[in-house]
Amino acid sequence: MNPYAPSSLLAQVRPSNTTAATAFTASLRTEITRILVANTSASAATLRLFHLDGAGITLLPSGTLGVRSGTGNALTFNVYGTVADAR
């Protein structure tokens, strides 16, 4: 049994520097169900997540999810979620 809500990969980003980057911008109401972060370097790295819209981790249209790595080229962010039906 899958312990996670059904979802799709919405974004994958690997910041090359230490400035904030937009990982995902919603075009429809979107529920973020998982954020997986992998450190692909040999050293420790810090991270930050920025959620600029909605409640919980629900993005309204034009809402964004941003990421930031404390070390360039060290972290890969994978964002999974469910996008509302456009009907």
Protein backbone atom coordinates (compact mmCIF):
# COMPACT_ATOMS: atom_id res chain seq x y z
CA MET A 1 0.00 0.00 0.00
CA ASN A 2 1.27 3.47 -0.92
CA PRO A 3 1.43 5.69 2.21
CA TYR A 4 1.34 8.87 0.11
CA ALA A 5 -1.56 10.60 -1.59
CA PRO A 6 -1.67 10.03 -5.36
CA SER A 7 0.49 12.69 -6.92
CA SER A 8 2.74 13.56 -9.83
CA LEU A 9 6.20 15.06 -10.11
CA LEU A 10 5.54 18.78 -10.55
CA ALA A 11 9.07 20.15 -10.46
CA GLN A 12 12.68 19.16 -10.07
CA VAL A 13 15.33 21.80 -9.44
CA ARG A 14 19.00 21.82 -8.49
CA PRO A 15 20.09 25.37 -7.62
CA SER A 16 23.57 26.18 -8.94
CA ASN A 17 24.10 28.92 -6.37
CA THR A 18 22.87 30.02 -2.95
CA THR A 19 20.15 32.47 -4.00
CA ALA A 20 16.44 31.66 -3.75
CA ALA A 21 14.93 30.01 -6.84
CA THR A 22 11.33 29.37 -7.86
CA ALA A 23 10.75 25.64 -7.94
CA PHE A 24 7.10 25.69 -9.01
CA THR A 25 4.41 28.21 -9.98
CA ALA A 26 0.82 26.98 -9.93
CA SER A 27 -1.46 27.58 -12.91
CA LEU A 28 -4.40 25.91 -11.11
CA ARG A 29 -5.04 25.22 -7.42
CA THR A 30 -2.33 22.73 -6.42
CA GLU A 31 -1.83 20.66 -3.29
CA ILE A 32 1.83 19.87 -2.58
CA THR A 33 1.96 16.34 -1.18
CA ARG A 34 5.70 15.67 -0.93
CA ILE A 35 8.99 17.50 -1.16
CA LEU A 36 12.01 15.24 -1.38
CA VAL A 37 15.48 16.74 -1.09
CA ALA A 38 18.63 14.82 -2.01
CA ASN A 39 22.13 15.96 -1.14
CA THR A 40 24.27 14.90 -4.11
CA SER A 41 27.50 16.33 -2.73
CA ALA A 42 30.01 14.95 -0.25
CA SER A 43 29.48 17.82 2.20
CA ALA A 44 26.69 18.99 4.48
CA ALA A 45 24.24 21.49 2.98
CA THR A 46 21.41 23.53 4.47
CA LEU A 47 18.10 24.24 2.75
CA ARG A 48 15.19 26.64 2.87
CA LEU A 49 11.68 26.37 1.48
CA PHE A 50 9.53 29.40 0.65
CA HIS A 51 5.76 29.19 0.31
CA LEU A 52 4.25 32.42 -0.94
CA ASP A 53 0.53 31.65 -1.29
CA GLY A 54 -2.38 29.59 -0.05
CA ALA A 55 -2.94 27.78 3.24
CA GLY A 56 -1.02 24.73 4.38
CA ILE A 57 0.90 23.69 1.31
CA THR A 58 -1.87 24.47 -1.14
CA LEU A 59 -0.95 26.88 -3.91
CA LEU A 60 -3.56 29.06 -5.54
CA PRO A 61 -3.15 30.06 -9.21
CA SER A 62 0.07 32.09 -9.56
CA GLY A 63 1.22 30.94 -6.10
CA THR A 64 4.85 29.85 -5.89
CA LEU A 65 7.07 27.46 -4.00
CA GLY A 66 10.68 28.55 -3.73
CA VAL A 67 13.83 26.74 -2.65
CA ARG A 68 17.31 27.73 -1.56
CA SER A 69 20.44 25.70 -0.97
CA GLY A 70 23.21 26.80 1.38
CA THR A 71 25.73 25.23 -1.02
CA GLY A 72 25.61 25.57 -4.82
CA ASN A 73 25.11 22.37 -6.86
CA ALA A 74 24.59 20.30 -3.70
CA LEU A 75 20.84 19.72 -3.36
CA THR A 76 18.15 18.44 -5.71
CA PHE A 77 14.56 19.32 -4.80
CA ASN A 78 11.71 17.12 -6.09
CA VAL A 79 8.20 18.55 -5.66
CA TYR A 80 5.17 16.26 -5.93
CA GLY A 81 1.53 17.24 -5.82
CA THR A 82 -1.98 17.12 -7.19
CA VAL A 83 -3.29 19.79 -9.55
CA ALA A 84 -7.00 20.66 -9.50
CA ASP A 85 -9.10 19.62 -12.47
CA ALA A 86 -9.62 22.52 -14.89
CA ARG A 87 -13.21 21.48 -15.68
